[in-house]
């Protein structure tokens, strides 16, 4: 895993990796950089192919954080993997809809439905 404080709780369910965000607010550029590095490390260093990002504790997300998610999606697709997002609060989901990112990402209402969708 990359350096810096842990910003993700990682859990394995079979061959699926669940990355749960630790922070309620993902706004700070430094934290976003660390989160990005930790997410990218799952693919680049650990070779994970099935990843669920759990947003259940996230209340705020900056546009820079969305940029990292887009990069992560590209990385996972390049590795022939699948990325699912789940448990996104309605007000954050609205941002995904406005930016049309809800069309790009596979967004599921809960962790269970994300796991079942693989």
Protein backbone atom coordinates (compact mmCIF):
# COMPACT_ATOMS: atom_id res chain seq x y z
CA UNK A 1 0.00 0.00 0.00
CA UNK A 2 1.09 3.55 -0.60
CA UNK A 3 2.50 5.85 2.02
CA UNK A 4 0.46 8.21 4.14
CA UNK A 5 -2.35 7.61 6.62
CA UNK A 6 -4.85 4.95 5.66
CA UNK A 7 -7.83 6.52 3.94
CA UNK A 8 -9.49 3.24 2.93
CA UNK A 9 -10.63 0.22 4.88
CA UNK A 10 -9.93 -2.79 2.69
CA UNK A 11 -11.93 -5.97 3.03
CA UNK A 12 -11.85 -9.14 0.93
CA UNK A 13 -14.98 -11.08 0.05
CA UNK A 14 -13.84 -14.03 -2.03
CA UNK A 15 -12.06 -12.55 -5.05
CA UNK A 16 -13.74 -9.16 -4.60
CA UNK A 17 -12.02 -6.26 -2.86
CA UNK A 18 -14.19 -3.79 -0.93
CA UNK A 19 -12.61 -0.40 -0.33
CA UNK A 20 -14.56 1.66 2.18
CA UNK A 21 -13.72 5.34 2.50
CA UNK A 22 -12.64 6.34 6.02
CA UNK A 23 -13.25 10.09 5.62
CA UNK A 24 -16.66 11.75 5.79
CA UNK A 25 -15.44 14.65 3.66
CA UNK A 26 -13.17 14.01 0.72
CA UNK A 27 -12.22 17.60 -0.07
CA UNK A 28 -8.58 18.11 0.85
CA UNK A 29 -6.14 17.83 -2.07
CA UNK A 30 -3.54 15.95 -0.01
CA UNK A 31 -6.09 13.39 1.19
CA UNK A 32 -7.45 12.98 -2.34
CA UNK A 33 -3.88 12.30 -3.53
CA UNK A 34 -3.43 9.66 -0.82
CA UNK A 35 -6.82 8.07 -1.58
CA UNK A 36 -5.93 8.01 -5.28
CA UNK A 37 -2.58 6.36 -4.60
CA UNK A 38 -4.17 3.78 -2.32
CA UNK A 39 -6.92 3.02 -4.87
CA UNK A 40 -4.44 2.80 -7.76
CA UNK A 41 -2.23 0.53 -5.65
CA UNK A 42 -5.08 -2.00 -5.43
CA UNK A 43 -4.86 -2.41 -9.21
CA UNK A 44 -1.21 -1.62 -9.99
CA UNK A 45 0.49 -3.27 -7.01
CA UNK A 46 -1.98 -5.88 -5.78
CA UNK A 47 -3.45 -6.85 -9.14
CA UNK A 48 -7.06 -6.67 -7.91
CA UNK A 49 -9.64 -7.04 -10.66
CA UNK A 50 -12.99 -6.83 -8.86
CA UNK A 51 -13.33 -3.74 -6.73
CA UNK A 52 -16.28 -2.22 -4.86
CA UNK A 53 -15.94 1.35 -3.57
CA UNK A 54 -18.21 1.82 -0.57
CA UNK A 55 -19.30 5.43 -0.02
CA UNK A 56 -21.55 4.79 3.00
CA UNK A 57 -19.51 7.07 5.30
CA UNK A 58 -18.88 9.83 2.72
CA UNK A 59 -20.88 13.05 3.12
CA UNK A 60 -18.94 15.36 0.79
CA UNK A 61 -16.86 14.73 -2.30
CA UNK A 62 -14.91 17.35 -4.25
CA UNK A 63 -14.57 17.49 -8.01
CA UNK A 64 -10.90 16.54 -7.63
CA UNK A 65 -12.07 13.34 -5.91
CA UNK A 66 -14.34 12.65 -8.89
CA UNK A 67 -11.27 13.00 -11.11
CA UNK A 68 -9.51 10.27 -9.10
CA UNK A 69 -12.55 8.01 -9.46
CA UNK A 70 -12.47 8.50 -13.25
CA UNK A 71 -8.74 7.64 -13.29
CA UNK A 72 -9.44 4.59 -11.14
CA UNK A 73 -12.18 3.45 -13.52
CA UNK A 74 -9.76 3.71 -16.46
CA UNK A 75 -7.09 1.77 -14.56
CA UNK A 76 -9.49 -1.02 -13.63
CA UNK A 77 -10.80 -1.25 -17.20
CA UNK A 78 -7.24 -1.30 -18.57
CA UNK A 79 -6.54 -4.23 -16.23
CA UNK A 80 -9.68 -5.97 -17.58
CA UNK A 81 -11.32 -5.63 -14.18
CA UNK A 82 -14.63 -4.33 -12.89
CA UNK A 83 -15.30 -1.39 -10.59
CA UNK A 84 -18.58 -0.88 -8.73
CA UNK A 85 -19.61 2.04 -6.55
CA UNK A 86 -22.15 1.59 -3.77
CA UNK A 87 -24.00 3.25 -0.91
CA UNK A 88 -23.71 6.77 -2.32
CA UNK A 89 -25.81 9.38 -0.50
CA UNK A 90 -28.55 11.03 -2.61
CA UNK A 91 -26.88 14.45 -2.54
CA UNK A 92 -23.59 12.97 -3.82
CA UNK A 93 -25.41 10.79 -6.33
CA UNK A 94 -26.97 13.96 -7.69
CA UNK A 95 -23.47 15.24 -8.54
CA UNK A 96 -22.80 11.98 -10.40
CA UNK A 97 -26.06 12.50 -12.33
CA UNK A 98 -25.41 16.17 -13.15
CA UNK A 99 -21.91 15.32 -14.42
CA UNK A 100 -23.31 12.23 -16.19
CA UNK A 101 -20.82 10.06 -14.31
CA UNK A 102 -23.74 7.85 -13.28
CA UNK A 103 -23.62 6.60 -16.89
CA UNK A 104 -19.90 5.84 -16.65
CA UNK A 105 -19.85 4.07 -13.30
CA UNK A 106 -21.76 0.99 -12.20
CA UNK A 107 -23.50 2.40 -9.12
CA UNK A 108 -25.37 0.06 -6.78
CA UNK A 109 -27.61 1.00 -3.81
CA UNK A 110 -25.83 -1.26 -1.29
CA UNK A 111 -22.66 -3.23 -0.77
CA UNK A 112 -24.63 -6.49 -1.05
CA UNK A 113 -26.13 -5.55 -4.41
CA UNK A 114 -22.66 -4.49 -5.62
CA UNK A 115 -21.20 -7.85 -4.58
CA UNK A 116 -24.03 -9.76 -6.24
CA UNK A 117 -23.55 -7.86 -9.49
CA UNK A 118 -20.15 -9.43 -10.28
